[in-house]
Amino acid sequence: MSIFKSLSLVAVICVFSISSVLAGPANKIHPDKLVNAYLVVEKLSSDGNVNAVGNKKTMYSFLNEDQKKLVNKIITLNKSNGSNL
């Protein structure tokens, strides 16, 4: 019985250690690739790229409401600060 308990304890410890390794770092924010792509296209369209203007409208239609709010906030902040993307 004690062998079974020790083996189960080792198995539980292995499972927790493997899951913590695979979980990755805590509090790491993964950037939204669609938002980043839209910001690049917006920058290209503001620089005068004709193809980017049409792509900008299409990509904006794929953004959900939270992404649209984030994109509009970033663009507004960049324009008010006079900085580039």
C-alpha atoms as a PDB file:
ATOM      1  CA  MET A   1       0.000   0.000   0.000  1.00  0.00           C
ATOM      2  CA  SER A   2       2.804   2.431   0.773  1.00  0.00           C
ATOM      3  CA  ILE A   3       4.389   1.710  -2.633  1.00  0.00           C
ATOM      4  CA  PHE A   4       1.110   2.641  -4.317  1.00  0.00           C
ATOM      5  CA  LYS A   5       0.934   5.884  -2.320  1.00  0.00           C
ATOM      6  CA  SER A   6       4.514   6.818  -3.143  1.00  0.00           C
ATOM      7  CA  LEU A   7       4.029   6.048  -6.854  1.00  0.00           C
ATOM      8  CA  SER A   8       0.835   8.081  -6.962  1.00  0.00           C
ATOM      9  CA  LEU A   9       2.589  10.958  -5.184  1.00  0.00           C
ATOM     10  CA  VAL A  10       5.424  10.864  -7.727  1.00  0.00           C
ATOM     11  CA  ALA A  11       2.895  10.769 -10.582  1.00  0.00           C
ATOM     12  CA  VAL A  12       1.004  13.770  -9.201  1.00  0.00           C
ATOM     13  CA  ILE A  13       4.225  15.739  -8.739  1.00  0.00           C
ATOM     14  CA  CYS A  14       5.271  14.902 -12.317  1.00  0.00           C
ATOM     15  CA  VAL A  15       1.912  16.003 -13.700  1.00  0.00           C
ATOM     16  CA  PHE A  16       2.039  19.336 -11.854  1.00  0.00           C
ATOM     17  CA  SER A  17       5.642  20.012 -12.815  1.00  0.00           C
ATOM     18  CA  ILE A  18       5.026  19.207 -16.486  1.00  0.00           C
ATOM     19  CA  SER A  19       1.877  21.339 -16.590  1.00  0.00           C
ATOM     20  CA  SER A  20       3.668  24.295 -15.002  1.00  0.00           C
ATOM     21  CA  VAL A  21       6.490  24.033 -17.545  1.00  0.00           C
ATOM     22  CA  LEU A  22       4.053  23.919 -20.461  1.00  0.00           C
ATOM     23  CA  ALA A  23       1.940  26.788 -19.122  1.00  0.00           C
ATOM     24  CA  GLY A  24       4.567  29.414 -19.910  1.00  0.00           C
ATOM     25  CA  PRO A  25       5.301  32.608 -18.024  1.00  0.00           C
ATOM     26  CA  ALA A  26       2.573  34.154 -15.923  1.00  0.00           C
ATOM     27  CA  ASN A  27       0.969  37.472 -16.899  1.00  0.00           C
ATOM     28  CA  LYS A  28       2.437  37.439 -20.391  1.00  0.00           C
ATOM     29  CA  ILE A  29       0.234  39.310 -22.844  1.00  0.00           C
ATOM     30  CA  HIS A  30      -0.005  37.825 -26.294  1.00  0.00           C
ATOM     31  CA  PRO A  31      -0.423  40.584 -28.877  1.00  0.00           C
ATOM     32  CA  ASP A  32      -3.394  40.316 -31.204  1.00  0.00           C
ATOM     33  CA  LYS A  33      -2.032  39.577 -34.678  1.00  0.00           C
ATOM     34  CA  LEU A  34      -5.119  40.925 -36.447  1.00  0.00           C
ATOM     35  CA  VAL A  35      -4.855  44.236 -34.589  1.00  0.00           C
ATOM     36  CA  ASN A  36      -1.144  44.468 -35.395  1.00  0.00           C
ATOM     37  CA  ALA A  37      -1.808  43.704 -39.065  1.00  0.00           C
ATOM     38  CA  TYR A  38      -4.529  46.363 -39.196  1.00  0.00           C
ATOM     39  CA  LEU A  39      -2.197  48.946 -37.648  1.00  0.00           C
ATOM     40  CA  VAL A  40       0.444  48.175 -40.283  1.00  0.00           C
ATOM     41  CA  VAL A  41      -2.111  48.537 -43.083  1.00  0.00           C
ATOM     42  CA  GLU A  42      -3.376  51.784 -41.535  1.00  0.00           C
ATOM     43  CA  LYS A  43       0.169  53.147 -41.486  1.00  0.00           C
ATOM     44  CA  LEU A  44       0.698  52.134 -45.127  1.00  0.00           C
ATOM     45  CA  SER A  45      -2.585  53.734 -46.181  1.00  0.00           C
ATOM     46  CA  SER A  46      -1.728  56.963 -44.375  1.00  0.00           C
ATOM     47  CA  ASP A  47       1.594  56.977 -46.245  1.00  0.00           C
ATOM     48  CA  GLY A  48      -0.321  56.931 -49.545  1.00  0.00           C
ATOM     49  CA  ASN A  49      -0.296  53.248 -50.483  1.00  0.00           C
ATOM     50  CA  VAL A  50      -3.356  52.828 -52.737  1.00  0.00           C
ATOM     51  CA  ASN A  51      -3.676  49.068 -52.166  1.00  0.00           C
ATOM     52  CA  ALA A  52      -3.603  49.503 -48.404  1.00  0.00           C
ATOM     53  CA  VAL A  53      -6.661  51.786 -48.450  1.00  0.00           C
ATOM     54  CA  GLY A  54      -8.931  49.003 -49.735  1.00  0.00           C
ATOM     55  CA  ASN A  55      -7.307  46.418 -47.489  1.00  0.00           C
ATOM     56  CA  LYS A  56      -7.811  48.696 -44.498  1.00  0.00           C
ATOM     57  CA  LYS A  57     -11.583  48.760 -45.012  1.00  0.00           C
ATOM     58  CA  THR A  58     -11.723  44.988 -45.460  1.00  0.00           C
ATOM     59  CA  MET A  59      -9.581  44.259 -42.412  1.00  0.00           C
ATOM     60  CA  TYR A  60     -11.596  46.653 -40.247  1.00  0.00           C
ATOM     61  CA  SER A  61     -14.729  44.655 -41.036  1.00  0.00           C
ATOM     62  CA  PHE A  62     -13.089  41.530 -39.560  1.00  0.00           C
ATOM     63  CA  LEU A  63     -12.325  43.184 -36.209  1.00  0.00           C
ATOM     64  CA  ASN A  64     -14.709  42.568 -33.328  1.00  0.00           C
ATOM     65  CA  GLU A  65     -15.943  45.440 -31.146  1.00  0.00           C
ATOM     66  CA  ASP A  66     -13.142  45.173 -28.574  1.00  0.00           C
ATOM     67  CA  GLN A  67     -10.513  45.106 -31.305  1.00  0.00           C
ATOM     68  CA  LYS A  68     -12.099  48.123 -33.015  1.00  0.00           C
ATOM     69  CA  LYS A  69     -12.025  50.077 -29.750  1.00  0.00           C
ATOM     70  CA  LEU A  70      -8.375  49.137 -29.209  1.00  0.00           C
ATOM     71  CA  VAL A  71      -7.390  50.064 -32.769  1.00  0.00           C
ATOM     72  CA  ASN A  72      -9.194  53.406 -32.597  1.00  0.00           C
ATOM     73  CA  LYS A  73      -7.585  54.166 -29.230  1.00  0.00           C
ATOM     74  CA  ILE A  74      -4.074  53.351 -30.511  1.00  0.00           C
ATOM     75  CA  ILE A  75      -4.540  55.405 -33.683  1.00  0.00           C
ATOM     76  CA  THR A  76      -5.920  58.360 -31.707  1.00  0.00           C
ATOM     77  CA  LEU A  77      -3.035  58.221 -29.230  1.00  0.00           C
ATOM     78  CA  ASN A  78      -0.481  58.038 -32.034  1.00  0.00           C
ATOM     79  CA  LYS A  79      -2.027  60.999 -33.846  1.00  0.00           C
ATOM     80  CA  SER A  80      -2.257  63.089 -30.683  1.00  0.00           C
ATOM     81  CA  ASN A  81       1.365  62.342 -29.784  1.00  0.00           C
ATOM     82  CA  GLY A  82       2.541  62.849 -33.348  1.00  0.00           C
ATOM     83  CA  SER A  83       4.402  59.564 -33.272  1.00  0.00           C
ATOM     84  CA  ASN A  84       4.598  56.773 -35.805  1.00  0.00           C
ATOM     85  CA  LEU A  85       3.198  53.308 -35.245  1.00  0.00           C
END
